[in-house]
């Protein structure tokens, strides 16, 4: 594995049983730099019943539950099934006392309702957050952490930046969503972990603070939530 510049450690997410197991195996091989999550993406929620027993079995080795969530943009699984899938992930995360990593696309209201009713907001990470000020304010009240990716740096990312401006640095993280959403000037390329520094730089401009301060705050928050590899101090 090639080491990414300016990246001390990373979270490797699972999006189904096979990728969750692969994430655990990869992270075991590189335990000084990588930590895994276990979950079933909403695109595959209709396979939930078949995969759930294995996901529960794998969950003990993960630092977080997810990526799960709701995707009402592509609707690759029925919405009702997506909500059942998310609900079980919420219950599992609560039972294990682990963070929950949530994908939210065109499903702000339903995710807000489910997170609010479960009380799991303070341990919830909203992955690749693209919400504007209205939904950012509402989710802030639930205590969630917002994880920002390339869109906060896009020329078309004004709505995301206006939402990000409301988020305290200590409630934010940076991510890639690799291989997608590479930040400028790499927009047409497969995303790389080292480019999270460009996401952090975009957030620093939004918050009117130094890049080092933005990086320190988002790294600290990631450590607080996920623990990180051995030797990482939250």
Protein backbone atom coordinates (compact mmCIF):
# COMPACT_ATOMS: atom_id res chain seq x y z
CA UNK A 1 0.00 0.00 0.00
CA UNK A 2 1.39 3.39 -1.02
CA UNK A 3 1.55 5.82 1.86
CA UNK A 4 -0.45 8.99 1.35
CA UNK A 5 1.31 12.25 2.01
CA UNK A 6 0.02 14.35 4.91
CA UNK A 7 -2.32 11.56 6.10
CA UNK A 8 -1.52 9.86 9.40
CA UNK A 9 -4.41 7.40 9.44
CA UNK A 10 -7.66 6.61 7.64
CA UNK A 11 -11.05 5.00 8.12
CA UNK A 12 -11.85 2.23 5.62
CA UNK A 13 -15.64 1.88 5.29
CA UNK A 14 -17.62 -1.24 4.55
CA UNK A 15 -20.69 -0.91 2.33
CA UNK A 16 -21.84 -4.55 2.36
CA UNK A 17 -20.78 -7.81 3.98
CA UNK A 18 -18.00 -8.55 1.49
CA UNK A 19 -16.44 -5.10 1.60
CA UNK A 20 -16.81 -4.94 5.38
CA UNK A 21 -14.87 -8.18 5.75
CA UNK A 22 -12.28 -6.93 3.26
CA UNK A 23 -11.95 -3.68 5.20
CA UNK A 24 -11.31 -5.57 8.43
CA UNK A 25 -8.69 -7.75 6.75
CA UNK A 26 -6.94 -4.78 5.12
CA UNK A 27 -6.92 -2.82 8.37
CA UNK A 28 -5.45 -5.81 10.23
CA UNK A 29 -2.56 -5.79 7.75
CA UNK A 30 -2.00 -2.05 8.25
CA UNK A 31 -3.15 -1.60 11.82
CA UNK A 32 -0.84 1.36 12.38
CA UNK A 33 -2.69 3.46 9.80
CA UNK A 34 -6.14 2.02 9.05
CA UNK A 35 -9.34 1.30 10.99
CA UNK A 36 -12.49 -0.37 9.54
CA UNK A 37 -16.23 0.18 9.62
CA UNK A 38 -18.98 -2.37 8.93
CA UNK A 39 -22.28 -1.64 7.25
CA UNK A 40 -24.72 -2.01 4.37
CA UNK A 41 -25.18 0.93 1.99
CA UNK A 42 -28.76 2.01 1.23
CA UNK A 43 -28.26 1.11 -2.45
CA UNK A 44 -28.12 -2.56 -1.36
CA UNK A 45 -30.64 -2.37 1.47
CA UNK A 46 -32.90 -4.91 -0.26
CA UNK A 47 -30.20 -7.52 0.48
CA UNK A 48 -30.34 -6.68 4.16
CA UNK A 49 -31.92 -9.91 5.43
CA UNK A 50 -29.30 -12.08 3.70
CA UNK A 51 -26.31 -10.03 4.83
CA UNK A 52 -27.31 -8.84 8.28
CA UNK A 53 -26.12 -11.88 10.29
CA UNK A 54 -22.62 -11.58 8.84
CA UNK A 55 -22.56 -7.83 9.42
CA UNK A 56 -23.49 -8.32 13.07
CA UNK A 57 -20.74 -10.93 13.36
CA UNK A 58 -18.19 -8.52 11.88
CA UNK A 59 -19.31 -5.48 13.85
CA UNK A 60 -17.21 -6.25 16.91
CA UNK A 61 -14.02 -5.71 14.89
CA UNK A 62 -15.14 -2.32 13.55
CA UNK A 63 -14.64 1.16 14.99
CA UNK A 64 -18.03 2.27 13.66
CA UNK A 65 -21.27 0.99 12.11
CA UNK A 66 -21.92 2.04 8.52
CA UNK A 67 -21.81 3.24 5.85
CA UNK A 68 -25.56 3.02 5.98
CA UNK A 69 -28.26 5.63 5.50
CA UNK A 70 -30.90 6.67 2.98
CA UNK A 71 -30.54 7.54 -0.70
CA UNK A 72 -33.72 8.93 -2.25
CA UNK A 73 -31.84 10.24 -5.29
CA UNK A 74 -30.99 6.93 -6.95
CA UNK A 75 -33.64 4.85 -5.12
CA UNK A 76 -31.80 1.62 -5.89
CA UNK A 77 -33.62 -0.06 -2.99
CA UNK A 78 -37.22 0.65 -1.94
CA UNK A 79 -37.40 3.54 0.50
CA UNK A 80 -39.25 1.55 3.15
CA UNK A 81 -36.56 -1.13 3.00
CA UNK A 82 -33.85 1.52 3.27
CA UNK A 83 -35.47 2.82 6.44
CA UNK A 84 -35.60 -0.67 7.97
CA UNK A 85 -31.93 -1.15 7.12
CA UNK A 86 -30.95 2.17 8.67
CA UNK A 87 -33.03 1.45 11.76
CA UNK A 88 -31.21 -1.81 12.42
CA UNK A 89 -27.85 -0.10 12.00
CA UNK A 90 -28.92 2.53 14.50
CA UNK A 91 -29.89 -0.18 16.99
CA UNK A 92 -26.63 -2.05 16.46
CA UNK A 93 -24.52 1.07 16.90
CA UNK A 94 -26.40 1.96 20.07
CA UNK A 95 -26.09 -1.58 21.46
CA UNK A 96 -22.33 -1.68 20.80
CA UNK A 97 -21.68 1.91 21.82
CA UNK A 98 -20.07 2.67 18.46
CA UNK A 99 -20.40 5.63 16.09
CA UNK A 100 -22.81 5.49 13.18
CA UNK A 101 -21.74 6.57 9.67
CA UNK A 102 -24.72 7.81 7.66
CA UNK A 103 -25.14 8.44 3.92
CA UNK A 104 -27.79 11.09 3.26
CA UNK A 105 -28.91 11.98 -0.25
CA UNK A 106 -32.24 13.73 -0.78
CA UNK A 107 -33.43 12.15 2.48
CA UNK A 108 -32.78 14.87 5.05
CA UNK A 109 -36.19 14.77 6.72
CA UNK A 110 -36.35 11.01 7.25
CA UNK A 111 -32.77 10.76 8.50
CA UNK A 112 -33.31 13.68 10.87
CA UNK A 113 -36.43 12.02 12.26
CA UNK A 114 -34.73 8.65 12.76
CA UNK A 115 -31.59 10.08 14.36
CA UNK A 116 -33.61 12.40 16.59
CA UNK A 117 -35.99 9.69 17.78
CA UNK A 118 -33.12 7.30 18.53
CA UNK A 119 -31.08 9.84 20.50
CA UNK A 120 -27.91 8.69 18.71
CA UNK A 121 -27.07 12.13 17.32
CA UNK A 122 -23.86 12.76 19.32
CA UNK A 123 -22.30 9.58 17.92
CA UNK A 124 -23.59 10.03 14.36
CA UNK A 125 -21.35 11.06 11.46
CA UNK A 126 -23.10 12.54 8.43
CA UNK A 127 -20.85 11.27 5.66
CA UNK A 128 -20.06 13.53 2.69
CA UNK A 129 -22.34 16.26 4.01
CA UNK A 130 -23.83 18.47 1.28
CA UNK A 131 -26.67 20.11 3.15
CA UNK A 132 -27.26 23.84 3.11
CA UNK A 133 -27.88 26.13 6.10
CA UNK A 134 -31.43 24.97 6.85
CA UNK A 135 -30.64 21.29 7.34
CA UNK A 136 -27.22 21.96 8.82
CA UNK A 137 -28.85 23.99 11.60
CA UNK A 138 -31.38 21.25 12.29
CA UNK A 139 -28.77 18.50 12.46
CA UNK A 140 -26.45 20.66 14.58
CA UNK A 141 -29.16 20.62 17.24
CA UNK A 142 -28.93 16.80 17.32
CA UNK A 143 -25.21 16.87 18.16
CA UNK A 144 -24.02 15.13 14.98
CA UNK A 145 -20.58 15.41 13.37
CA UNK A 146 -20.41 16.60 9.76
CA UNK A 147 -17.89 14.95 7.43
CA UNK A 148 -17.01 17.08 4.40
CA UNK A 149 -15.61 15.91 1.07
CA UNK A 150 -14.70 17.48 -2.27
CA UNK A 151 -18.01 19.34 -2.86
CA UNK A 152 -17.10 21.96 -0.25
CA UNK A 153 -14.27 22.98 -2.60
CA UNK A 154 -16.21 22.79 -5.90
CA UNK A 155 -17.01 25.93 -7.91
CA UNK A 156 -20.63 24.81 -7.58
CA UNK A 157 -20.32 24.21 -3.83
CA UNK A 158 -21.73 27.48 -2.49
CA UNK A 159 -24.68 25.77 -0.77
CA UNK A 160 -22.34 23.33 0.96
CA UNK A 161 -20.02 26.15 2.03
CA UNK A 162 -22.92 28.15 3.47
CA UNK A 163 -23.89 25.10 5.51
CA UNK A 164 -20.29 24.44 6.54
CA UNK A 165 -19.96 28.02 7.78
CA UNK A 166 -22.43 27.14 10.56
CA UNK A 167 -20.48 24.06 11.72
CA UNK A 168 -17.93 24.57 14.51
CA UNK A 169 -14.55 23.08 13.50
CA UNK A 170 -14.72 20.74 16.48
CA UNK A 171 -17.87 19.18 14.99
CA UNK A 172 -16.37 18.49 11.55
CA UNK A 173 -14.17 15.96 9.77
CA UNK A 174 -12.69 15.61 6.26
CA UNK A 175 -12.93 12.65 3.89
CA UNK A 176 -12.44 11.59 0.28
CA UNK A 177 -15.45 9.45 -0.74
CA UNK A 178 -12.84 7.89 -3.01
CA UNK A 179 -12.80 7.27 -5.92
CA UNK A 180 -15.42 10.00 -6.31
CA UNK A 181 -15.65 13.74 -5.64
CA UNK A 182 -11.98 14.64 -6.04
CA UNK A 183 -11.48 18.30 -5.08
CA UNK A 184 -10.06 20.85 -7.50
CA UNK A 185 -7.60 20.82 -9.26
CA UNK A 186 -8.11 17.04 -9.51
CA UNK A 187 -11.80 17.13 -10.36
CA UNK A 188 -11.69 14.61 -13.24
CA UNK A 189 -9.37 12.15 -11.49
CA UNK A 190 -9.96 9.24 -9.11
CA UNK A 191 -9.80 10.67 -5.61
CA UNK A 192 -6.75 10.11 -3.41
CA UNK A 193 -6.51 10.18 0.42
CA UNK A 194 -3.82 12.86 0.42
CA UNK A 195 -6.27 15.29 -1.19
CA UNK A 196 -8.23 15.60 2.04
CA UNK A 197 -5.77 18.42 2.68
CA UNK A 198 -7.55 20.35 -0.09
CA UNK A 199 -10.89 19.73 1.60
CA UNK A 200 -9.40 20.98 4.87
CA UNK A 201 -8.05 24.06 3.10
CA UNK A 202 -11.52 24.81 1.69
CA UNK A 203 -13.03 24.52 5.17
CA UNK A 204 -10.32 26.79 6.56
CA UNK A 205 -11.36 29.46 4.06
CA UNK A 206 -15.01 29.02 5.01
CA UNK A 207 -14.19 29.32 8.72
CA UNK A 208 -11.60 32.11 8.21
CA UNK A 209 -8.94 30.21 10.14
CA UNK A 210 -5.55 28.81 9.23
CA UNK A 211 -5.26 25.51 7.37
CA UNK A 212 -3.22 23.97 10.19
CA UNK A 213 -5.94 24.89 12.69
CA UNK A 214 -8.65 23.38 10.49
CA UNK A 215 -6.64 20.19 10.02
CA UNK A 216 -5.94 19.91 13.75
CA UNK A 217 -9.61 20.36 14.66
CA UNK A 218 -10.97 17.86 12.13
CA UNK A 219 -8.26 15.30 12.92
CA UNK A 220 -8.99 15.63 16.63
CA UNK A 221 -12.69 15.05 16.04
CA UNK A 222 -12.00 11.93 13.97
CA UNK A 223 -9.83 10.58 16.76
CA UNK A 224 -12.49 11.29 19.37
CA UNK A 225 -15.12 9.40 17.42
CA UNK A 226 -13.20 6.52 15.87
CA UNK A 227 -10.30 6.14 18.28
CA UNK A 228 -7.88 5.59 15.43
CA UNK A 229 -4.98 3.12 15.21
CA UNK A 230 -2.85 2.29 18.25
CA UNK A 231 -0.74 5.27 19.23
CA UNK A 232 -3.18 7.88 17.93
CA UNK A 233 -4.20 10.32 20.63
CA UNK A 234 -7.81 11.56 20.26
